[in-house]
């Protein structure tokens, strides 16, 4: 059975846990953080590619199976919606969003896939 390919958005503390578990069972392809140093550290540890620009990362890795959203809570909806609209399956760290409006937008984006 082929290993699933993942990318991670956000390279903070929770992303470290996700990366470890992904590495145990799947393949971590790339990571993205606005703080490129954080992305570089995580990417180096798991032999992945680091990005500072989310749009660029999503465009470069169309063969990825799952996007793990590990960014700060206030960015979960924005990042998940962007990944969903780009055609990816999304695993979103909790909370899914911080407003009812954002939750609705996320549901709409997932239904379009």
C-alpha atoms as a PDB file:
ATOM      1  CA  UNK A   1       0.000   0.000   0.000  1.00  0.00           C
ATOM      2  CA  UNK A   2       1.377   3.425  -0.903  1.00  0.00           C
ATOM      3  CA  UNK A   3       2.130   5.937   1.827  1.00  0.00           C
ATOM      4  CA  UNK A   4      -0.116   8.989   1.991  1.00  0.00           C
ATOM      5  CA  UNK A   5       1.590  12.294   1.233  1.00  0.00           C
ATOM      6  CA  UNK A   6       1.021  15.228   3.595  1.00  0.00           C
ATOM      7  CA  UNK A   7       1.831  18.904   3.760  1.00  0.00           C
ATOM      8  CA  UNK A   8       1.597  21.007   6.923  1.00  0.00           C
ATOM      9  CA  UNK A   9       0.513  24.632   7.176  1.00  0.00           C
ATOM     10  CA  UNK A  10       2.004  26.282  10.265  1.00  0.00           C
ATOM     11  CA  UNK A  11       5.194  25.044  11.911  1.00  0.00           C
ATOM     12  CA  UNK A  12       4.583  25.765  15.595  1.00  0.00           C
ATOM     13  CA  UNK A  13       4.344  23.369  18.522  1.00  0.00           C
ATOM     14  CA  UNK A  14       1.347  21.331  17.338  1.00  0.00           C
ATOM     15  CA  UNK A  15       2.900  20.940  13.885  1.00  0.00           C
ATOM     16  CA  UNK A  16       5.859  19.205  15.528  1.00  0.00           C
ATOM     17  CA  UNK A  17       3.503  16.509  16.830  1.00  0.00           C
ATOM     18  CA  UNK A  18       1.691  16.165  13.526  1.00  0.00           C
ATOM     19  CA  UNK A  19       5.004  15.855  11.671  1.00  0.00           C
ATOM     20  CA  UNK A  20       6.216  13.083  13.973  1.00  0.00           C
ATOM     21  CA  UNK A  21       3.039  11.040  13.512  1.00  0.00           C
ATOM     22  CA  UNK A  22       2.933  11.702   9.786  1.00  0.00           C
ATOM     23  CA  UNK A  23       6.559  10.566   9.507  1.00  0.00           C
ATOM     24  CA  UNK A  24       5.740   7.338  11.376  1.00  0.00           C
ATOM     25  CA  UNK A  25       2.924   6.341   9.012  1.00  0.00           C
ATOM     26  CA  UNK A  26       3.089   8.469   5.879  1.00  0.00           C
ATOM     27  CA  UNK A  27       5.350  10.926   4.065  1.00  0.00           C
ATOM     28  CA  UNK A  28       5.736  14.610   4.891  1.00  0.00           C
ATOM     29  CA  UNK A  29       6.313  16.400   1.577  1.00  0.00           C
ATOM     30  CA  UNK A  30       6.409  20.066   2.552  1.00  0.00           C
ATOM     31  CA  UNK A  31       5.708  22.575   5.298  1.00  0.00           C
ATOM     32  CA  UNK A  32       4.782  26.250   5.271  1.00  0.00           C
ATOM     33  CA  UNK A  33       5.075  29.055   7.799  1.00  0.00           C
ATOM     34  CA  UNK A  34       5.313  32.835   7.482  1.00  0.00           C
ATOM     35  CA  UNK A  35       8.373  32.516   9.719  1.00  0.00           C
ATOM     36  CA  UNK A  36      10.638  30.745   7.230  1.00  0.00           C
ATOM     37  CA  UNK A  37      13.104  29.764   9.958  1.00  0.00           C
ATOM     38  CA  UNK A  38      10.421  27.604  11.611  1.00  0.00           C
ATOM     39  CA  UNK A  39       9.568  26.028   8.269  1.00  0.00           C
ATOM     40  CA  UNK A  40      13.241  25.343   7.531  1.00  0.00           C
ATOM     41  CA  UNK A  41      13.797  23.614  10.876  1.00  0.00           C
ATOM     42  CA  UNK A  42      10.770  21.339  10.506  1.00  0.00           C
ATOM     43  CA  UNK A  43      11.482  20.623   6.832  1.00  0.00           C
ATOM     44  CA  UNK A  44      15.097  19.710   7.557  1.00  0.00           C
ATOM     45  CA  UNK A  45      14.110  17.341  10.363  1.00  0.00           C
ATOM     46  CA  UNK A  46      11.744  15.380   8.082  1.00  0.00           C
ATOM     47  CA  UNK A  47      13.456  15.818   4.711  1.00  0.00           C
ATOM     48  CA  UNK A  48      10.615  17.982   3.394  1.00  0.00           C
ATOM     49  CA  UNK A  49      10.532  21.242   1.448  1.00  0.00           C
ATOM     50  CA  UNK A  50      10.018  24.525   3.310  1.00  0.00           C
ATOM     51  CA  UNK A  51       7.803  27.341   2.042  1.00  0.00           C
ATOM     52  CA  UNK A  52       6.914  30.786   3.307  1.00  0.00           C
ATOM     53  CA  UNK A  53       4.081  31.270   0.809  1.00  0.00           C
ATOM     54  CA  UNK A  54       1.008  29.026   1.123  1.00  0.00           C
ATOM     55  CA  UNK A  55      -0.265  29.595  -2.421  1.00  0.00           C
ATOM     56  CA  UNK A  56       3.106  28.614  -3.841  1.00  0.00           C
ATOM     57  CA  UNK A  57       3.250  25.449  -1.733  1.00  0.00           C
ATOM     58  CA  UNK A  58      -0.261  24.347  -2.725  1.00  0.00           C
ATOM     59  CA  UNK A  59       0.476  24.994  -6.407  1.00  0.00           C
ATOM     60  CA  UNK A  60       3.741  23.023  -6.303  1.00  0.00           C
ATOM     61  CA  UNK A  61       2.343  19.904  -4.623  1.00  0.00           C
ATOM     62  CA  UNK A  62      -0.850  18.897  -6.424  1.00  0.00           C
ATOM     63  CA  UNK A  63      -0.024  15.216  -5.839  1.00  0.00           C
ATOM     64  CA  UNK A  64      -0.361  15.534  -2.050  1.00  0.00           C
ATOM     65  CA  UNK A  65      -3.132  13.533  -0.372  1.00  0.00           C
ATOM     66  CA  UNK A  66      -3.759  15.586   2.796  1.00  0.00           C
ATOM     67  CA  UNK A  67      -3.132  19.121   4.027  1.00  0.00           C
ATOM     68  CA  UNK A  68      -2.753  19.380   7.812  1.00  0.00           C
ATOM     69  CA  UNK A  69      -3.721  22.842   9.079  1.00  0.00           C
ATOM     70  CA  UNK A  70      -1.660  23.563  12.206  1.00  0.00           C
ATOM     71  CA  UNK A  71      -1.569  27.350  11.996  1.00  0.00           C
ATOM     72  CA  UNK A  72      -2.825  29.689  14.762  1.00  0.00           C
ATOM     73  CA  UNK A  73      -6.555  29.304  15.566  1.00  0.00           C
ATOM     74  CA  UNK A  74      -7.568  32.538  13.855  1.00  0.00           C
ATOM     75  CA  UNK A  75      -6.105  31.292  10.559  1.00  0.00           C
ATOM     76  CA  UNK A  76      -7.585  27.771  10.534  1.00  0.00           C
ATOM     77  CA  UNK A  77     -10.626  28.683   8.450  1.00  0.00           C
ATOM     78  CA  UNK A  78      -8.689  30.773   5.931  1.00  0.00           C
ATOM     79  CA  UNK A  79      -6.037  28.101   5.422  1.00  0.00           C
ATOM     80  CA  UNK A  80      -8.470  25.175   5.354  1.00  0.00           C
ATOM     81  CA  UNK A  81     -10.769  26.927   2.868  1.00  0.00           C
ATOM     82  CA  UNK A  82      -7.821  27.751   0.621  1.00  0.00           C
ATOM     83  CA  UNK A  83      -6.663  24.108   0.672  1.00  0.00           C
ATOM     84  CA  UNK A  84     -10.197  22.783   0.110  1.00  0.00           C
ATOM     85  CA  UNK A  85     -10.773  25.117  -2.834  1.00  0.00           C
ATOM     86  CA  UNK A  86      -7.454  23.922  -4.284  1.00  0.00           C
ATOM     87  CA  UNK A  87      -8.867  20.381  -4.214  1.00  0.00           C
ATOM     88  CA  UNK A  88      -7.084  18.886  -1.196  1.00  0.00           C
ATOM     89  CA  UNK A  89      -8.372  16.750   1.641  1.00  0.00           C
ATOM     90  CA  UNK A  90      -7.895  18.738   4.872  1.00  0.00           C
ATOM     91  CA  UNK A  91      -7.132  17.750   8.444  1.00  0.00           C
ATOM     92  CA  UNK A  92      -7.737  20.836  10.579  1.00  0.00           C
ATOM     93  CA  UNK A  93      -6.445  21.250  14.103  1.00  0.00           C
ATOM     94  CA  UNK A  94      -9.152  22.423  16.527  1.00  0.00           C
ATOM     95  CA  UNK A  95     -10.970  24.749  16.508  1.00  0.00           C
ATOM     96  CA  UNK A  96     -12.104  24.479  12.909  1.00  0.00           C
ATOM     97  CA  UNK A  97     -12.837  28.211  12.952  1.00  0.00           C
ATOM     98  CA  UNK A  98     -13.429  30.961  15.482  1.00  0.00           C
ATOM     99  CA  UNK A  99     -16.688  32.306  14.071  1.00  0.00           C
ATOM    100  CA  UNK A 100     -19.943  30.805  12.834  1.00  0.00           C
ATOM    101  CA  UNK A 101     -19.470  32.637   9.521  1.00  0.00           C
ATOM    102  CA  UNK A 102     -16.066  31.000   9.004  1.00  0.00           C
ATOM    103  CA  UNK A 103     -17.525  27.577   9.846  1.00  0.00           C
ATOM    104  CA  UNK A 104     -20.187  28.114   7.191  1.00  0.00           C
ATOM    105  CA  UNK A 105     -17.568  29.128   4.626  1.00  0.00           C
ATOM    106  CA  UNK A 106     -15.558  26.017   5.429  1.00  0.00           C
ATOM    107  CA  UNK A 107     -18.580  23.782   4.967  1.00  0.00           C
ATOM    108  CA  UNK A 108     -19.381  25.443   1.624  1.00  0.00           C
ATOM    109  CA  UNK A 109     -15.782  24.988   0.455  1.00  0.00           C
ATOM    110  CA  UNK A 110     -15.775  21.313   1.425  1.00  0.00           C
ATOM    111  CA  UNK A 111     -19.048  20.696  -0.417  1.00  0.00           C
ATOM    112  CA  UNK A 112     -17.546  22.130  -3.616  1.00  0.00           C
ATOM    113  CA  UNK A 113     -14.821  19.466  -3.647  1.00  0.00           C
END
